[in-house]
Amino acid sequence: MHRATKIVATIGPASSTLEILKQMIEAGLDVVRLNFSHGTADDHRQRAEFVREAARQVGREVGLMADLQGPKIRVGKFENGKVTLVAGNPFVLDADCELGNDERVGLDYKDLPRDLKPGDVLLLNDGLIVLSVSRVIGNEIHTVVKIGGDLSNNKGINRQGGGLTAPALTAKDMEDIRTAMALGADYVAVSFPKNATDMEMARQLANIAGAPYGIKPKMIAKIERAEAIPALQGILDASDGVMVARGDLAVEVGNAAVPALQKRMIKMARDSNKFVITATQMMESMIHAPVPTRAEVSDVANAVLDGTDAVMLSAESAAGKYPVQTIETMAAICVEAEKSEHVELDRDFLDRTFTRIDQSIAMGALFTAYHLGAKAIVALTESGSTALWMSRHWTHVPIFALTPRIGSERAMQIYRNVNPLHLDSSNDRDIALQQALEVVVGKGYAARGDMVVLTVGEPMGQAGGTNTLKIVRVGEPY
């Protein structure tokens, strides 16, 4: 069954063997996420090699995402590993403290006292512990515990409503970008960007680091800061895609605000011709259980119905008991949700103007394929832009993007409803179109008598050159 929504899965201790990776790709994995918050450069290098080898053995390319850690705004370590905070008691966050105890704890982010004032509310450990700032004295933040509980080493700190000044790119992130380019990452996900400038700086660093390897990665902005919301359009314009990172975002803006923000972000991304990933706790119970909860099934399905390009797994696939089964289950949910999606293509095209020839051809192919009942759209593409534009509108007609560039093939793995395939380049348009048809028919996506819509650019081999639309019936004279 054709599945339009893509699956991103984090790999870790539970999924780092060649055999498990092969099973995950066969189950429907489209993009592998390397979480640079954990592990060494050598760990990531070895995992990337396993991913490429597993994909080669399965016979299907997958994308590779390097997810940067971003600023560590965390408490330090405790003498005994953890303490129990009691509501009503005082507690001090002390930038100069080495080892914490029941009364105080150190800070990884030493500038935190400069960001706070009396009355601010701090949320620790994903919001499970709440502290109210009573006063700031030098490097000490004096607080009163509002909601207590166990606090262990290195737990995260958020300020309710956002506003912490930590830069999006740390020295570690800059080194990790170099590592990511050396191992051939197709996407770089930037944690905690506040504005377009953060993304522009990350792109510049990635392009410089990727130049020796011939790589220009797609840049993904992880939306997880409150101040990123009013700057969302600028961040989108400076990025190739966004991730709805619901964990830290929920802590900063409140759980209740996240569902509406998710819908808004997905719509804005699609309207801006950017891709979008929905992430965090989508199948959380499957870390330990062989089946998801009904709420998780609804969560994944609703993200699909919102129009997300991809849904993402974190601990479920990195450290869970059922990484392969989780991907199979998620894929099945996506397929079922897509069956009920309503096509609004004609309405989508109202009041739209296209100033580029290649974008006009892409939209014309969508419109034609939908109204003629074509079995498939086949786009011959160098950069993948034609396929991206087509994927912003839902038609139930699968899009096959054929490219001679392996980098484009991998990068397009995250685009909704796009099936990237490799096609050896030919400078003759008719030969290339015939080869494209043969690939699609040979893989069983279309059969004799099926109508197929083709797009191609002349002269061949130029990015952004799509200028031809052709309608053919498989098996009839070409």
Protein backbone atom coordinates (compact mmCIF):
# COMPACT_ATOMS: atom_id res chain seq x y z
CA MET A 1 0.00 0.00 0.00
CA HIS A 2 1.41 3.40 -0.97
CA ARG A 3 2.19 5.58 2.08
CA ALA A 4 2.63 9.32 1.61
CA THR A 5 3.66 10.37 5.14
CA LYS A 6 7.31 9.73 5.91
CA ILE A 7 8.78 8.18 9.06
CA VAL A 8 11.85 9.57 10.84
CA ALA A 9 13.40 7.34 13.50
CA THR A 10 16.22 8.01 15.96
CA ILE A 11 18.83 5.28 16.23
CA GLY A 12 20.59 4.40 19.45
CA PRO A 13 21.53 1.37 21.53
CA ALA A 14 18.37 -0.55 20.53
CA SER A 15 18.80 0.00 16.80
CA SER A 16 22.46 0.31 15.90
CA THR A 17 23.12 -3.12 14.42
CA LEU A 18 23.12 -3.74 10.69
CA GLU A 19 20.38 -6.37 10.93
CA ILE A 20 17.98 -4.21 12.97
CA LEU A 21 18.57 -1.23 10.65
CA LYS A 22 17.75 -3.39 7.63
CA GLN A 23 14.51 -4.51 9.29
CA MET A 24 13.64 -0.89 10.14
CA ILE A 25 14.17 0.24 6.53
CA GLU A 26 12.09 -2.70 5.25
CA ALA A 27 9.36 -1.78 7.77
CA GLY A 28 9.11 1.74 6.32
CA LEU A 29 11.88 3.92 7.77
CA ASP A 30 12.57 6.88 5.45
CA VAL A 31 14.97 9.11 7.43
CA VAL A 32 17.41 8.17 10.19
CA ARG A 33 18.03 10.69 12.98
CA LEU A 34 21.39 10.82 14.73
CA ASN A 35 20.91 12.57 18.09
CA PHE A 36 24.09 14.54 18.80
CA SER A 37 22.97 15.08 22.41
CA HIS A 38 24.25 11.55 23.05
CA GLY A 39 27.29 9.60 21.92
CA THR A 40 30.68 10.49 20.47
CA ALA A 41 31.68 11.49 16.95
CA ASP A 42 32.93 7.94 16.41
CA ASP A 43 29.56 6.54 17.54
CA HIS A 44 27.76 8.68 14.96
CA ARG A 45 30.28 7.85 12.25
CA GLN A 46 29.86 4.12 12.79
CA ARG A 47 26.06 4.37 12.88
CA ALA A 48 26.04 6.40 9.67
CA GLU A 49 28.14 3.72 7.97
CA PHE A 50 25.72 1.03 9.17
CA VAL A 51 22.75 3.06 7.86
CA ARG A 52 24.30 3.44 4.40
CA GLU A 53 25.22 -0.25 4.27
CA ALA A 54 21.77 -1.36 5.46
CA ALA A 55 20.13 0.85 2.82
CA ARG A 56 22.42 -0.59 0.14
CA GLN A 57 21.52 -4.16 1.12
CA VAL A 58 17.78 -3.38 1.18
CA GLY A 59 18.06 -1.52 -2.15
CA ARG A 60 16.47 1.76 -1.03
CA GLU A 61 18.13 5.03 -0.07
CA VAL A 62 17.24 6.70 3.23
CA GLY A 63 17.96 10.22 4.44
CA LEU A 64 20.37 10.94 7.30
CA MET A 65 19.60 13.73 9.81
CA ALA A 66 22.13 15.18 12.26
CA ASP A 67 20.19 16.67 15.19
CA LEU A 68 22.34 19.18 17.10
CA GLN A 69 22.20 19.35 20.90
CA GLY A 70 21.94 23.12 21.20
CA PRO A 71 22.53 25.01 24.47
CA LYS A 72 22.56 22.90 27.61
CA ILE A 73 20.40 24.82 30.09
CA ARG A 74 20.54 22.25 32.86
CA VAL A 75 21.21 21.82 36.54
CA GLY A 76 24.57 20.34 37.52
CA LYS A 77 25.27 17.18 39.48
CA PHE A 78 24.28 16.22 43.03
CA GLU A 79 26.48 14.63 45.70
CA ASN A 80 24.15 11.63 45.84
CA GLY A 81 22.85 11.70 42.26
CA LYS A 82 19.49 13.24 43.14
CA VAL A 83 17.49 15.10 45.78
CA THR A 84 13.81 15.37 46.64
CA LEU A 85 12.41 18.91 46.55
CA VAL A 86 9.46 19.68 48.83
CA ALA A 87 6.78 22.26 47.95
CA GLY A 88 7.16 25.43 50.02
CA ASN A 89 10.86 24.95 50.72
CA PRO A 90 13.60 27.27 49.43
CA PHE A 91 16.08 26.03 46.81
CA VAL A 92 19.06 27.80 45.24
CA LEU A 93 20.41 27.47 41.70
CA ASP A 94 24.04 28.50 42.11
CA ALA A 95 26.31 29.00 39.08
CA ASP A 96 29.38 28.59 41.35
CA CYS A 97 28.26 25.37 43.06
CA GLU A 98 30.28 22.24 42.21
CA LEU A 99 28.15 19.43 43.71
CA GLY A 100 24.53 19.92 44.69
CA ASN A 101 22.60 18.93 47.83
CA ASP A 102 19.14 19.40 49.36
CA GLU A 103 19.60 23.20 49.45
CA ARG A 104 21.33 24.12 46.18
CA VAL A 105 22.67 22.85 42.86
CA GLY A 106 25.05 24.10 40.18
CA LEU A 107 24.27 25.22 36.62
CA ASP A 108 25.68 24.16 33.26
CA TYR A 109 24.57 27.51 31.80
CA LYS A 110 26.45 30.02 33.94
CA ASP A 111 24.67 33.10 32.55
CA LEU A 112 21.22 31.99 33.72
CA PRO A 113 21.15 34.42 36.71
CA ARG A 114 21.47 37.33 34.23
CA ASP A 115 18.27 36.22 32.46
CA LEU A 116 15.99 36.08 35.51
CA LYS A 117 14.15 38.40 37.86
CA PRO A 118 11.86 37.91 40.89
CA GLY A 119 8.53 36.41 39.91
CA ASP A 120 9.88 34.32 37.02
CA VAL A 121 8.79 30.70 36.97
CA LEU A 122 11.29 27.93 36.18
CA LEU A 123 10.25 24.49 34.99
CA LEU A 124 12.70 21.65 35.56
CA ASN A 125 12.73 18.08 34.24
CA ASP A 126 10.19 18.73 31.44
CA GLY A 127 7.93 20.74 33.75
CA LEU A 128 7.56 18.10 36.47
CA ILE A 129 9.21 20.42 39.00
CA VAL A 130 8.23 24.10 39.27
CA LEU A 131 10.28 26.81 41.03
CA SER A 132 9.33 30.47 41.58
CA VAL A 133 12.22 32.95 41.59
CA SER A 134 12.20 35.06 44.77
CA ARG A 135 15.45 37.01 44.21
CA VAL A 136 18.73 36.92 42.28
CA ILE A 137 21.94 37.67 44.17
CA GLY A 138 25.10 37.60 42.04
CA ASN A 139 25.43 34.08 40.63
CA GLU A 140 22.70 32.70 42.91
CA ILE A 141 19.04 32.28 41.91
CA HIS A 142 16.95 31.95 45.08
CA THR A 143 13.65 30.16 44.51
CA VAL A 144 10.68 28.68 46.33
CA VAL A 145 9.54 25.18 45.30
CA LYS A 146 5.97 25.34 43.97
CA ILE A 147 5.74 21.75 42.75
CA GLY A 148 8.28 19.34 44.21
CA GLY A 149 9.59 15.91 43.37
CA ASP A 150 12.82 14.06 42.64
CA LEU A 151 15.47 16.10 40.83
CA SER A 152 18.48 14.21 39.48
CA ASN A 153 21.72 15.15 37.71
CA ASN A 154 21.69 17.30 34.55
CA LYS A 155 17.93 17.80 34.23
CA GLY A 156 16.79 20.56 31.89
CA ILE A 157 15.63 24.06 32.89
CA ASN A 158 13.05 26.15 31.02
CA ARG A 159 11.68 29.56 31.85
CA GLN A 160 7.90 29.73 31.57
CA GLY A 161 7.14 31.97 28.58
CA GLY A 162 10.68 31.65 27.23
CA GLY A 163 13.22 34.46 27.10
CA LEU A 164 16.52 32.75 27.94
CA THR A 165 19.41 34.29 26.00
CA ALA A 166 21.52 31.16 25.38
CA PRO A 167 22.71 31.12 21.74
CA ALA A 168 21.25 28.43 19.47
CA LEU A 169 24.69 27.30 18.30
CA THR A 170 27.30 26.31 20.89
CA ALA A 171 30.96 25.44 20.31
CA LYS A 172 29.96 21.77 20.51
CA ASP A 173 27.29 22.30 17.83
CA MET A 174 29.85 23.89 15.51
CA GLU A 175 32.15 20.90 15.91
CA ASP A 176 29.20 18.52 15.46
CA ILE A 177 28.29 20.25 12.17
CA ARG A 178 31.77 19.41 10.89
CA THR A 179 31.34 15.80 12.01
CA ALA A 180 27.89 15.62 10.38
CA MET A 181 29.24 16.83 7.04
CA ALA A 182 32.15 14.39 7.18
CA LEU A 183 29.74 11.47 7.60
CA GLY A 184 27.47 12.70 4.79
CA ALA A 185 24.37 13.97 6.63
CA ASP A 186 21.55 15.09 4.32
CA TYR A 187 19.82 17.30 6.91
CA VAL A 188 21.00 19.32 9.92
CA ALA A 189 18.42 20.03 12.64
CA VAL A 190 19.16 23.14 14.73
CA SER A 191 17.92 23.12 18.33
CA PHE A 192 16.36 26.19 19.98
CA PRO A 193 16.65 28.77 17.14
CA LYS A 194 15.07 32.08 18.14
CA ASN A 195 15.07 33.82 14.77
CA ALA A 196 16.12 33.67 11.12
CA THR A 197 19.67 34.78 11.96
CA ASP A 198 20.27 31.60 13.98
CA MET A 199 19.30 29.49 10.96
CA GLU A 200 21.31 31.60 8.52
CA MET A 201 24.42 31.20 10.66
CA ALA A 202 23.90 27.43 10.93
CA ARG A 203 23.44 27.14 7.16
CA GLN A 204 26.62 29.10 6.48
CA LEU A 205 28.62 26.87 8.84
CA ALA A 206 27.12 23.70 7.33
CA ASN A 207 27.78 24.83 3.76
CA ILE A 208 31.41 25.65 4.56
CA ALA A 209 31.91 22.33 6.40
CA GLY A 210 30.14 20.41 3.62
CA ALA A 211 32.01 22.01 0.71
CA PRO A 212 34.94 19.52 0.68
CA TYR A 213 32.39 16.68 0.44
CA GLY A 214 30.13 18.34 -2.13
CA ILE A 215 27.28 18.57 0.40
CA LYS A 216 24.77 21.37 1.01
CA PRO A 217 22.48 19.90 3.65
CA LYS A 218 18.82 20.80 4.12
CA MET A 219 18.48 22.92 7.27
CA ILE A 220 15.72 22.09 9.76
CA ALA A 221 14.63 24.54 12.48
CA LYS A 222 13.39 22.84 15.64
CA ILE A 223 10.61 25.04 17.02
CA GLU A 224 10.91 24.65 20.79
CA ARG A 225 11.29 28.18 22.17
CA ALA A 226 8.39 30.49 22.96
CA GLU A 227 10.14 33.40 21.21
CA ALA A 228 10.39 31.35 17.99
CA ILE A 229 6.59 31.49 17.55
CA PRO A 230 6.27 35.20 16.64
CA ALA A 231 9.41 34.85 14.48
CA LEU A 232 8.11 31.71 12.74
CA GLN A 233 7.75 33.11 9.21
CA GLY A 234 11.28 34.48 9.23
CA ILE A 235 12.63 31.17 10.56
CA LEU A 236 10.71 29.30 7.84
CA ASP A 237 12.11 31.57 5.15
CA ALA A 238 15.66 30.87 6.38
CA SER A 239 15.16 27.09 6.63
CA ASP A 240 14.32 24.18 4.34
CA GLY A 241 12.00 22.62 6.89
CA VAL A 242 10.82 22.82 10.49
CA MET A 243 10.30 20.33 13.29
CA VAL A 244 7.37 20.73 15.66
CA ALA A 245 9.43 19.79 18.73
CA ARG A 246 6.61 19.41 21.20
CA GLY A 247 8.65 18.60 24.31
CA ASP A 248 10.51 21.80 25.16
CA LEU A 249 7.89 23.88 23.34
CA ALA A 250 5.17 22.53 25.64
CA VAL A 251 7.22 23.34 28.72
CA GLU A 252 7.69 26.96 27.61
CA VAL A 253 4.19 27.74 26.26
CA GLY A 254 2.10 25.20 28.19
CA ASN A 255 0.77 21.82 27.07
CA ALA A 256 -2.65 23.18 26.15
CA ALA A 257 -1.23 25.60 23.54
CA VAL A 258 0.73 22.98 21.58
CA PRO A 259 -1.99 21.25 19.47
CA ALA A 260 -3.16 24.51 17.89
CA LEU A 261 0.46 25.62 17.36
CA GLN A 262 1.17 22.28 15.66
CA LYS A 263 -1.65 22.83 13.17
CA ARG A 264 -0.56 26.41 12.56
CA MET A 265 3.09 25.45 11.99
CA ILE A 266 2.22 22.65 9.57
CA LYS A 267 0.00 24.96 7.52
CA MET A 268 2.56 27.76 7.48
CA ALA A 269 5.31 25.39 6.41
CA ARG A 270 3.29 23.95 3.54
CA ASP A 271 2.19 27.42 2.41
CA SER A 272 5.86 28.46 2.40
CA ASN A 273 6.95 25.41 0.34
CA LYS A 274 8.88 23.99 3.30
CA PHE A 275 8.69 20.48 4.74
CA VAL A 276 7.58 19.79 8.32
CA ILE A 277 8.22 17.03 10.86
CA THR A 278 5.97 16.37 13.88
CA ALA A 279 7.94 14.99 16.83
CA THR A 280 8.02 14.02 20.52
CA GLN A 281 6.23 11.19 22.34
CA MET A 282 4.22 10.09 19.29
CA MET A 283 4.42 6.40 20.22
CA GLU A 284 5.92 6.78 23.71
CA SER A 285 4.23 3.74 25.25
CA MET A 286 5.89 1.48 22.67
CA ILE A 287 9.22 2.03 24.40
CA HIS A 288 7.99 -0.74 26.68
CA ALA A 289 4.76 -2.10 25.15
CA PRO A 290 4.19 -3.96 21.85
CA VAL A 291 1.10 -1.85 21.00
CA PRO A 292 0.43 1.92 21.24
CA THR A 293 -2.30 3.58 23.25
CA ARG A 294 -5.46 4.75 21.45
CA ALA A 295 -4.42 8.33 22.20
CA GLU A 296 -1.07 7.80 20.45
CA VAL A 297 -2.81 6.33 17.41
CA SER A 298 -5.02 9.44 17.26
CA ASP A 299 -2.01 11.72 17.74
CA VAL A 300 -0.15 10.23 14.76
CA ALA A 301 -3.29 10.16 12.60
CA ASN A 302 -4.13 13.79 13.40
CA ALA A 303 -0.62 14.91 12.44
CA VAL A 304 -1.12 13.13 9.11
CA LEU A 305 -4.50 14.78 8.63
CA ASP A 306 -2.92 18.16 9.47
CA GLY A 307 -0.61 17.61 6.49
CA THR A 308 2.73 16.86 8.15
CA ASP A 309 5.45 15.55 5.85
CA ALA A 310 6.86 13.21 8.47
CA VAL A 311 6.22 11.81 11.91
CA MET A 312 9.18 11.11 14.18
CA LEU A 313 10.24 8.51 16.73
CA SER A 314 12.79 9.28 19.45
CA ALA A 315 13.34 6.94 22.40
CA GLU A 316 10.83 4.49 20.89
CA SER A 317 13.36 3.47 18.24
CA ALA A 318 16.61 4.51 19.95
CA ALA A 319 16.17 2.71 23.26
CA GLY A 320 12.82 0.90 23.11
CA LYS A 321 12.09 -2.82 23.08
CA TYR A 322 10.23 -2.79 19.76
CA PRO A 323 11.96 -0.48 17.22
CA VAL A 324 10.88 -2.44 14.13
CA GLN A 325 7.34 -3.09 15.34
CA THR A 326 6.93 0.61 16.24
CA ILE A 327 7.78 1.64 12.66
CA GLU A 328 5.40 -0.98 11.22
CA THR A 329 2.61 0.25 13.50
CA MET A 330 3.24 3.91 12.70
CA ALA A 331 3.27 3.17 8.96
CA ALA A 332 -0.09 1.38 9.21
CA ILE A 333 -1.63 4.35 11.08
CA CYS A 334 -0.36 6.77 8.41
CA VAL A 335 -1.86 4.70 5.58
CA GLU A 336 -5.27 4.51 7.25
CA ALA A 337 -5.33 8.23 8.01
CA GLU A 338 -4.37 9.12 4.42
CA LYS A 339 -7.31 7.13 3.04
CA SER A 340 -9.72 9.60 4.60
CA GLU A 341 -7.93 12.79 3.53
CA HIS A 342 -10.07 15.13 1.49
CA VAL A 343 -8.54 16.59 -1.68
CA GLU A 344 -8.96 20.37 -2.02
CA LEU A 345 -6.67 20.89 -4.98
CA ASP A 346 -8.95 23.22 -6.94
CA ARG A 347 -9.45 25.43 -3.90
CA ASP A 348 -5.70 25.38 -3.20
CA PHE A 349 -5.04 26.83 -6.66
CA LEU A 350 -7.45 29.74 -6.34
CA ASP A 351 -5.72 33.11 -5.98
CA ARG A 352 -2.31 31.50 -6.62
CA THR A 353 0.13 33.02 -9.05
CA PHE A 354 3.28 31.37 -10.37
CA THR A 355 6.16 33.48 -11.65
CA ARG A 356 8.54 30.58 -12.33
CA ILE A 357 8.19 28.22 -15.30
CA ASP A 358 9.31 25.15 -13.32
CA GLN A 359 6.82 25.84 -10.51
CA SER A 360 4.02 26.36 -13.07
CA ILE A 361 4.84 23.01 -14.70
CA ALA A 362 4.79 21.31 -11.28
CA MET A 363 1.36 22.74 -10.47
CA GLY A 364 0.07 21.89 -13.96
CA ALA A 365 1.19 18.28 -13.53
CA LEU A 366 -0.67 18.01 -10.22
CA PHE A 367 -3.86 19.50 -11.63
CA THR A 368 -3.75 17.33 -14.77
CA ALA A 369 -2.96 14.09 -12.94
CA TYR A 370 -5.76 14.63 -10.44
CA HIS A 371 -8.47 15.49 -12.96
CA LEU A 372 -7.47 12.83 -15.52
CA GLY A 373 -7.19 10.12 -12.88
CA ALA A 374 -3.51 9.40 -13.63
CA LYS A 375 -1.90 6.51 -11.80
CA ALA A 376 1.30 8.41 -11.10
CA ILE A 377 3.24 11.63 -11.61
CA VAL A 378 6.83 11.07 -12.72
CA ALA A 379 9.18 14.04 -12.28
CA LEU A 380 12.68 13.99 -13.73
CA THR A 381 14.52 16.33 -11.40
CA GLU A 382 18.06 17.38 -10.56
CA SER A 383 17.62 19.32 -7.33
CA GLY A 384 14.23 17.95 -6.21
CA SER A 385 12.48 21.35 -6.25
CA THR A 386 9.77 20.18 -8.67
CA ALA A 387 8.92 17.26 -6.40
CA LEU A 388 8.85 19.53 -3.33
CA TRP A 389 6.35 21.93 -4.94
CA MET A 390 4.12 19.04 -6.02
CA SER A 391 4.22 17.55 -2.53
CA ARG A 392 2.75 20.69 -0.94
CA HIS A 393 -0.69 19.73 -2.30
CA TRP A 394 -2.56 16.50 -1.60
CA THR A 395 -4.04 14.58 -4.56
CA HIS A 396 -3.85 10.85 -3.70
CA VAL A 397 -1.69 10.52 -6.85
CA PRO A 398 1.80 9.27 -5.89
CA ILE A 399 4.76 11.35 -7.10
CA PHE A 400 7.88 9.56 -8.33
CA ALA A 401 10.95 11.78 -8.42
CA LEU A 402 13.73 10.35 -10.57
CA THR A 403 17.16 11.89 -10.27
CA PRO A 404 20.75 11.03 -11.19
CA ARG A 405 21.98 12.77 -8.02
CA ILE A 406 22.20 10.52 -4.98
CA GLY A 407 22.17 13.59 -2.70
CA SER A 408 18.85 14.73 -4.17
CA GLU A 409 17.45 11.21 -3.88
CA ARG A 410 18.27 11.11 -0.16
CA ALA A 411 17.11 14.66 0.53
CA MET A 412 13.69 14.01 -1.07
CA GLN A 413 13.03 11.07 1.27
CA ILE A 414 11.34 13.46 3.72
CA TYR A 415 8.90 15.04 1.24
CA ARG A 416 5.32 13.89 1.68
CA ASN A 417 3.94 11.67 -1.11
CA VAL A 418 7.29 11.70 -2.97
CA ASN A 419 9.02 8.43 -3.86
CA PRO A 420 12.62 9.24 -4.87
CA LEU A 421 14.25 6.82 -7.32
CA HIS A 422 17.63 6.75 -9.03
CA LEU A 423 17.81 7.28 -12.79
CA ASP A 424 21.07 7.32 -14.69
CA SER A 425 21.34 10.60 -16.54
CA SER A 426 20.68 10.93 -20.22
CA ASN A 427 20.98 14.09 -22.31
CA ASP A 428 18.22 12.93 -24.66
CA ARG A 429 14.81 13.93 -23.34
CA ASP A 430 12.82 11.11 -24.99
CA ILE A 431 15.32 8.45 -23.89
CA ALA A 432 15.25 9.81 -20.32
CA LEU A 433 11.42 9.83 -20.24
CA GLN A 434 11.29 6.28 -21.60
CA GLN A 435 13.82 5.14 -18.98
CA ALA A 436 11.78 6.85 -16.26
CA LEU A 437 8.62 5.03 -17.34
CA GLU A 438 10.49 1.72 -17.38
CA VAL A 439 11.74 2.29 -13.83
CA VAL A 440 8.25 3.07 -12.52
CA VAL A 441 6.65 0.13 -14.38
CA GLY A 442 9.52 -2.20 -13.45
CA LYS A 443 8.99 -1.49 -9.76
CA GLY A 444 5.28 -2.22 -10.08
CA TYR A 445 3.99 1.32 -9.53
CA ALA A 446 2.21 1.47 -12.90
CA ALA A 447 1.03 -1.12 -15.44
CA ARG A 448 0.06 -1.31 -19.10
CA GLY A 449 -2.87 1.00 -19.87
CA ASP A 450 -2.27 3.29 -16.88
CA MET A 451 -2.09 7.01 -17.49
CA VAL A 452 1.09 8.72 -16.24
CA VAL A 453 1.98 12.43 -16.16
CA LEU A 454 5.66 13.21 -16.81
CA THR A 455 7.65 16.40 -16.19
CA VAL A 456 11.18 17.13 -17.44
CA GLY A 457 13.47 20.03 -18.23
CA GLU A 458 15.34 20.90 -21.40
CA PRO A 459 18.25 21.15 -21.73
CA MET A 460 18.73 18.13 -19.45
CA GLY A 461 20.88 18.26 -16.35
CA GLN A 462 20.14 21.80 -15.13
CA ALA A 463 18.63 22.40 -11.69
CA GLY A 464 15.48 24.53 -11.87
CA GLY A 465 14.99 23.82 -15.57
CA THR A 466 11.69 21.87 -15.58
CA ASN A 467 9.72 23.24 -18.55
CA THR A 468 7.86 20.30 -20.14
CA LEU A 469 4.74 18.34 -19.19
CA LYS A 470 3.82 15.15 -21.07
CA ILE A 471 0.85 12.80 -20.62
CA VAL A 472 1.31 9.17 -21.71
CA ARG A 473 -0.51 5.87 -21.42
CA VAL A 474 1.81 2.98 -20.52
CA GLY A 475 2.28 0.54 -23.36
CA GLU A 476 1.03 2.81 -26.16
CA PRO A 477 3.39 4.31 -28.78
CA TYR A 478 5.56 6.93 -27.07
